[in-house]
Protein backbone atom coordinates (compact mmCIF):
# COMPACT_ATOMS: atom_id res chain seq x y z
CA PRO A 1 0.15 0.02 0.00
CA THR A 2 2.59 2.25 0.63
CA MET A 3 4.45 1.57 -3.14
CA ALA A 4 1.15 1.92 -4.24
CA SER A 5 0.14 5.29 -2.66
CA ALA A 6 3.18 7.30 -3.58
CA PRO A 7 2.65 7.52 -7.26
CA ALA A 8 -0.37 8.74 -6.76
CA THR A 9 0.78 11.40 -4.08
CA ASN A 10 3.65 12.49 -7.26
CA SER A 11 1.08 12.49 -9.80
CA ASN A 12 -1.32 15.07 -7.67
CA GLU A 13 1.92 17.33 -7.13
CA GLN A 14 2.30 17.69 -10.84
CA GLN A 15 -1.36 18.59 -11.55
CA ARG A 16 -0.75 21.30 -8.40
CA LYS A 17 2.09 22.62 -10.63
CA GLY A 18 0.46 21.79 -13.97
CA CYS A 19 -2.24 23.36 -15.85
CA SER A 20 -5.51 21.69 -16.54
CA LEU A 21 -8.85 21.87 -18.32
CA LEU A 22 -11.07 21.97 -14.98
CA PRO A 23 -9.34 20.73 -12.17
CA HIS A 24 -12.14 21.88 -9.69
CA GLY A 25 -14.86 20.84 -12.08
CA ALA A 26 -17.57 22.78 -13.66
CA TYR A 27 -18.75 24.68 -11.02
CA THR A 28 -16.12 27.36 -11.06
CA LEU A 29 -17.69 29.02 -14.66
CA ILE A 30 -19.84 29.75 -12.49
CA PRO A 31 -19.08 32.73 -9.94
CA ALA A 32 -16.50 33.57 -13.20
CA THR A 33 -18.83 33.96 -15.50
CA LEU A 34 -20.94 35.99 -12.74
CA SER A 35 -18.21 38.22 -12.32
CA THR A 36 -17.45 38.78 -15.85
CA MET A 37 -21.26 39.69 -16.24
CA GLY A 38 -21.24 42.31 -13.70
CA TRP A 39 -17.78 43.70 -15.15
CA ILE A 40 -18.91 44.06 -18.19
CA ALA A 41 -22.75 45.80 -16.90
CA SER A 42 -19.86 48.19 -15.42
CA LEU A 43 -18.18 49.35 -18.09
CA ALA A 44 -21.61 49.83 -20.03
CA GLN A 45 -21.65 53.57 -19.45
CA ASP A 46 -19.98 55.82 -21.42
CA GLY A 47 -19.91 58.34 -18.12
CA CYS A 48 -22.64 60.78 -19.16
CA ASP A 49 -26.02 58.62 -18.72
CA TYR A 50 -25.88 57.80 -15.15
CA SER A 51 -28.61 59.68 -14.12
CA ARG A 52 -31.39 61.88 -15.73
CA LEU A 53 -31.49 65.57 -14.12
CA THR A 54 -34.64 67.84 -14.54
CA GLY A 55 -35.34 70.84 -12.60
CA PRO A 56 -33.18 74.40 -12.32
CA THR A 57 -30.00 73.05 -13.36
CA VAL A 58 -30.65 72.24 -16.05
CA ASP A 59 -31.21 75.53 -17.46
CA ASP A 60 -28.12 76.52 -15.65
CA LEU A 61 -25.86 74.41 -17.81
CA THR A 62 -27.82 74.74 -21.64
CA ALA A 63 -28.10 78.82 -20.88
CA GLY A 64 -25.01 79.25 -23.76
CA SER A 65 -27.40 76.53 -26.35
CA THR A 66 -28.24 77.79 -29.53
CA VAL A 67 -30.90 75.46 -29.71
CA VAL A 68 -34.38 78.11 -28.43
CA VAL A 69 -36.93 76.26 -27.50
CA VAL A 70 -40.20 77.24 -26.05
CA GLY A 71 -40.19 76.27 -22.33
CA GLY A 72 -36.64 75.22 -22.55
CA ILE A 73 -34.76 71.95 -22.64
CA PRO A 74 -36.81 69.32 -20.34
CA TYR A 75 -33.89 67.27 -18.83
CA LEU A 76 -30.20 66.07 -18.95
CA GLU A 77 -28.20 63.00 -19.24
CA VAL A 78 -25.90 63.89 -16.76
CA GLY A 79 -22.60 61.14 -15.80
CA PHE A 80 -19.93 61.07 -12.92
CA ASN A 81 -17.71 63.30 -15.08
CA ALA A 82 -19.83 65.24 -18.16
CA TYR A 83 -23.43 65.61 -19.25
CA ARG A 84 -25.70 65.02 -22.59
CA SER A 85 -27.71 67.20 -23.46
CA PRO A 86 -31.24 65.53 -26.17
CA GLN A 87 -32.11 67.97 -28.98
CA TYR A 88 -35.79 68.61 -30.32
CA TRP A 89 -36.72 66.22 -33.44
CA PRO A 90 -39.75 67.97 -34.86
CA GLN A 91 -41.51 65.11 -37.18
CA ASP A 92 -41.83 63.02 -33.98
CA ASN A 93 -42.05 65.84 -32.27
CA GLU A 94 -39.93 64.49 -28.71
CA TRP A 95 -36.70 65.14 -27.10
CA LYS A 96 -34.05 62.66 -27.82
CA VAL A 97 -30.86 62.02 -27.40
CA ASP A 98 -28.11 61.37 -30.09
CA TYR A 99 -25.59 58.95 -28.33
CA SER A 100 -22.82 59.47 -31.37
CA SER A 101 -23.13 62.81 -29.80
CA ARG A 102 -19.72 64.07 -27.22
CA CYS A 103 -19.97 64.18 -23.97
CA ILE A 104 -20.23 68.09 -22.33
CA ALA A 105 -17.68 69.17 -19.79
CA TYR A 106 -19.57 70.75 -16.62
CA ASP A 107 -19.75 74.20 -16.39
CA PRO A 108 -17.72 74.81 -12.52
CA ASN A 109 -19.56 77.72 -12.19
CA VAL A 110 -22.91 75.87 -12.05
CA VAL A 111 -21.88 72.33 -10.93
CA THR A 112 -19.54 72.40 -6.98
CA MET A 113 -18.33 68.58 -7.23
CA ASP A 114 -18.79 68.31 -3.61
CA ILE A 115 -17.44 65.63 -1.13
CA PHE A 116 -19.99 63.02 -1.84
CA TRP A 117 -19.31 63.61 -5.51
CA LYS A 118 -15.67 62.27 -5.14
CA LEU A 119 -16.34 59.81 -3.20
CA GLY A 120 -19.21 58.68 -5.99
CA LYS A 121 -16.55 59.10 -8.68
CA ALA A 122 -13.75 57.03 -6.37
CA PHE A 123 -16.21 54.15 -4.98
CA GLU A 124 -17.12 53.62 -8.52
CA PHE A 125 -13.50 53.25 -9.88
CA LEU A 126 -12.43 50.72 -7.13
CA SER A 127 -15.54 48.83 -8.14
CA LEU A 128 -14.62 48.99 -11.11
CA VAL A 129 -10.83 47.60 -10.38
CA LEU A 130 -11.45 45.12 -8.17
CA GLY A 131 -14.95 43.62 -10.11
CA GLY A 132 -12.16 43.18 -13.24
CA GLY A 133 -9.37 42.12 -11.20
CA GLY A 134 -11.56 39.35 -9.63
CA ALA A 135 -13.88 37.92 -12.57
CA LEU A 136 -10.09 37.70 -14.33
CA PHE A 137 -8.91 36.01 -11.38
CA LEU A 138 -11.09 33.34 -11.15
CA TRP A 139 -10.84 32.60 -14.31
CA PHE A 140 -7.51 31.45 -13.26
CA SER A 141 -9.21 28.35 -11.77
CA GLY A 142 -10.38 27.13 -14.60
CA CYS A 143 -7.15 26.05 -15.21
CA PHE A 144 -4.95 25.98 -11.99
CA VAL A 145 -5.48 23.92 -8.82
CA PHE A 146 -6.97 26.82 -5.93
CA SER A 147 -6.28 26.84 -2.68
CA PRO A 148 -9.42 27.17 0.01
CA ALA A 149 -7.66 30.67 0.79
CA THR A 150 -7.39 31.17 -2.66
CA TRP A 151 -10.75 30.87 -3.20
CA ARG A 152 -11.64 32.20 -0.75
CA TRP A 153 -9.44 35.57 -1.29
CA ALA A 154 -10.94 35.81 -4.30
CA GLY A 155 -14.30 35.94 -3.29
CA HIS A 156 -13.05 38.41 -1.02
CA GLU A 157 -12.30 40.45 -4.04
CA VAL A 158 -15.77 39.74 -5.86
CA PHE A 159 -17.59 40.91 -2.33
CA ALA A 160 -15.95 44.13 -2.36
CA ALA A 161 -16.09 45.35 -5.75
CA ALA A 162 -20.16 44.79 -5.11
CA THR A 163 -19.51 47.23 -2.03
CA PHE A 164 -17.88 49.84 -3.48
CA GLN A 165 -20.33 49.69 -6.39
CA SER A 166 -23.61 50.07 -4.01
CA LEU A 167 -21.01 52.54 -2.17
CA ALA A 168 -20.80 54.76 -5.03
CA PHE A 169 -24.69 55.67 -5.07
CA ILE A 170 -23.89 57.92 -2.79
CA TRP A 171 -23.44 60.34 -5.05
CA PHE A 172 -27.20 61.37 -5.60
CA ALA A 173 -26.36 63.11 -2.45
CA THR A 174 -24.65 65.73 -3.72
CA SER A 175 -25.54 69.49 -3.47
CA MET A 176 -26.87 69.61 -7.61
CA CYS A 177 -29.05 66.56 -6.46
CA ARG A 178 -30.25 67.92 -3.53
CA GLN A 179 -30.87 71.39 -5.21
CA GLU A 180 -34.33 72.57 -4.65
CA GLY A 181 -36.27 71.73 -8.05
CA ASN A 182 -33.66 69.18 -9.41
CA THR A 183 -34.50 65.72 -9.10
CA CYS A 184 -31.87 62.86 -10.39
CA SER A 185 -33.51 59.91 -11.11
CA LEU A 186 -31.96 56.76 -12.03
CA PHE A 187 -30.71 55.93 -15.62
CA PHE A 188 -29.10 53.66 -18.27
CA GLY A 189 -25.78 54.11 -15.84
CA SER A 190 -26.89 53.95 -12.93
CA LYS A 191 -28.99 50.77 -13.33
CA ALA A 192 -26.03 48.99 -14.90
CA ASP A 193 -24.33 49.32 -11.49
CA ILE A 194 -27.11 47.97 -10.04
CA ALA A 195 -27.24 45.08 -11.98
CA ALA A 196 -23.59 44.73 -11.66
CA ALA A 197 -23.60 44.85 -7.88
CA MET A 198 -26.46 42.09 -7.53
CA PHE A 199 -23.51 39.76 -10.16
CA TRP A 200 -21.04 40.66 -7.89
CA LEU A 201 -22.78 39.31 -4.87
CA THR A 202 -24.26 36.70 -6.49
CA SER A 203 -21.00 35.27 -7.31
CA ALA A 204 -19.44 35.87 -4.31
CA LEU A 205 -21.99 34.22 -2.10
CA ALA A 206 -21.21 31.64 -4.54
CA ILE A 207 -17.83 30.88 -3.69
CA TYR A 208 -18.64 31.56 0.15
CA LEU A 209 -20.72 28.65 -0.45
CA ARG A 210 -18.50 26.08 -1.73
CA TYR A 211 -15.13 25.00 -2.38
CA PRO A 212 -15.19 22.81 -5.19
CA LEU A 213 -12.51 19.68 -4.24
CA PRO A 214 -9.97 19.34 -7.17
CA GLN A 215 -10.59 16.55 -9.68
CA PRO A 216 -7.85 14.20 -10.68
CA LYS A 217 -7.15 14.25 -13.84
CA ASP A 218 -8.44 11.66 -16.75
CA GLY A 219 -5.01 10.39 -17.56
CA ILE A 220 -3.80 9.99 -13.70
CA GLN A 221 -6.88 8.08 -13.00
CA GLN A 222 -6.80 6.12 -16.04
CA GLN A 223 -3.41 4.73 -15.27
CA GLN A 224 -4.46 4.71 -11.60
CA GLU A 225 -7.21 2.04 -12.59
CA GLY A 226 -4.58 0.04 -15.30
CA ALA A 227 -2.41 -0.03 -12.21
CA PHE A 228 -5.21 -1.60 -10.17
CA GLY A 229 -6.08 -4.07 -12.96
CA ASP A 230 -2.54 -5.57 -13.29
CA GLU A 231 -2.87 -6.02 -9.10
CA GLU A 232 -6.38 -7.80 -9.48
CA GLY A 233 -4.84 -10.00 -12.81
CA GLY A 234 -1.70 -11.11 -10.49
CA LEU A 235 -3.90 -11.92 -8.34
CA GLU A 236 -5.81 -14.88 -10.49
CA MET A 237 -2.59 -16.27 -11.43
CA ASN A 238 -1.08 -16.47 -7.96
CA GLY A 239 -4.36 -19.02 -7.41
CA GLY A 240 -5.45 -15.39 -4.83
CA THR A 241 -2.76 -15.24 -2.89
CA THR A 242 0.01 -12.54 -3.55
CA GLY A 243 3.80 -13.14 -3.77
CA ASP A 244 7.03 -12.50 -5.01
CA SER A 245 8.31 -12.45 -8.58
CA ASP A 246 8.12 -16.11 -8.75
CA GLY A 247 4.91 -16.31 -7.62
CA ASN A 248 5.51 -18.18 -4.05
CA ASN A 249 4.48 -16.48 -1.00
CA PRO A 250 6.69 -16.76 1.88
CA ASP A 251 4.12 -16.42 4.26
CA PHE A 252 1.78 -18.80 2.57
CA ARG A 253 4.73 -21.36 2.86
CA ASP A 254 5.48 -20.58 6.58
CA ASP A 255 2.23 -21.47 7.93
CA GLU A 256 1.65 -24.77 5.59
CA VAL A 257 5.36 -25.94 7.50
CA GLU A 258 4.19 -24.25 10.80
CA PHE A 259 0.73 -26.69 9.85
CA GLU A 260 2.25 -29.43 8.99
CA ASN A 261 4.81 -29.70 11.97
CA ASP A 262 1.44 -29.26 14.17
CA GLU A 263 -0.34 -31.78 13.26
CA MET A 264 2.03 -34.50 11.78
CA PRO A 265 3.76 -36.84 14.48
CA ARG A 266 7.34 -37.33 14.77
CA ASN A 267 8.22 -40.28 13.79
CA GLN A 268 5.92 -39.70 10.69
CA VAL A 269 6.89 -38.35 6.61
CA ALA A 270 4.97 -38.93 3.97
CA GLY A 271 2.95 -41.91 5.22
CA SER A 272 5.46 -43.89 6.90
CA GLU A 273 7.10 -44.16 10.47
CA LEU A 274 10.00 -43.97 11.87
CA PRO A 275 11.75 -44.89 15.10
CA LEU A 276 12.82 -42.84 17.77
CA GLU A 277 15.02 -43.33 19.58
CA GLY A 278 14.35 -46.01 22.74
CA ASP A 279 12.07 -47.25 21.22
CA ALA A 280 13.94 -50.10 19.08
CA LYS A 281 14.64 -51.78 21.53
CA ALA A 282 11.49 -51.96 23.35
CA ARG A 283 10.53 -52.71 20.06
CA ILE A 284 12.42 -55.99 20.29
CA SER A 285 11.88 -56.96 23.51
CA GLN A 286 8.41 -56.32 22.53
CA GLY A 287 8.78 -58.74 20.03
CA ASP A 288 10.57 -62.01 21.36
CA SER A 289 7.79 -62.13 24.74
CA GLU A 290 5.03 -62.33 21.26
CA GLU A 291 4.36 -65.76 21.02
CA HIS A 292 3.71 -65.19 16.93
CA GLU A 293 6.57 -64.78 14.92
CA ASN A 294 7.27 -64.42 11.58
CA PRO A 295 9.05 -68.14 10.08
CA GLU A 296 10.08 -66.40 7.48
CA LEU A 297 12.53 -64.82 10.01
CA GLU A 298 13.17 -67.15 12.53
CA ILE A 299 16.85 -68.11 12.75
CA PRO A 300 16.94 -72.06 13.20
CA ALA A 301 18.67 -73.32 16.25
CA HIS A 302 22.41 -74.50 16.25
CA LYS A 303 23.32 -77.83 17.29
CA ASP A 304 26.31 -78.72 19.01
CA ASP A 305 28.39 -80.83 16.14
CA ALA A 306 27.03 -78.38 13.63
CA GLU A 307 29.91 -76.25 11.44
CA LEU A 308 29.31 -73.27 10.67
CA ILE A 309 30.47 -72.19 7.56
């Protein structure tokens, strides 16, 4: 058993050092895919579609616009760094935003980027970095074996991305959104960030709830099965017993000799009896005392006048 377990240990070490397809199984694809979807959702916004702004600040930001419309521009699509103004389409009788147009930078005389604005931008940036880094790191689990500590570390990174993404909504507490008459509502960018936070949170839960154990390679498994098959074949050829390379089992021979020594009488070997020390004289004396003797073995008595040859 000691010699059989040594190759398996070496194979596991080689598996940890090398790259193999899905060493933890297909479960690792779940958090990796969720984290990637969260990262894509966070990148979906273009920087000036985070919220829709209505109120007096819209007139202040568009005061220098060349487009003169009765009642003014109804809303602006605003973001962390810039905003986009809609255009009126007479044929449709509605306001539309040309998303191929460039975003317009904020006028610092109109909009003040306070502490909530700066914190929102910082949290948005951190969530993007941690979420993207965590997604990329999780895809390595499809090639390399992760220890439980490394697996949980990836979960911490993704969970931090979800946390910072949620904290980025502090941007709605800016002075621009809290100004009297202004309203900042959710728009494409903020809704995409909600989806990103949910994807990252679900990915973190999938990591925390289960650690997929590493699985052996198919080649290693086949080699082990082949080795076990050879051992079973050797057992059948040797009559169900294990032995050395010559097919001999020293343990079995010792047991057999011990059995013969225990069961067979000392004076019996291969069905015959041998006299033991002190038994020969007793047998001769016993033969003299018995009356029935074998006549063929009887020696005739000598007479006094008989000549001995």
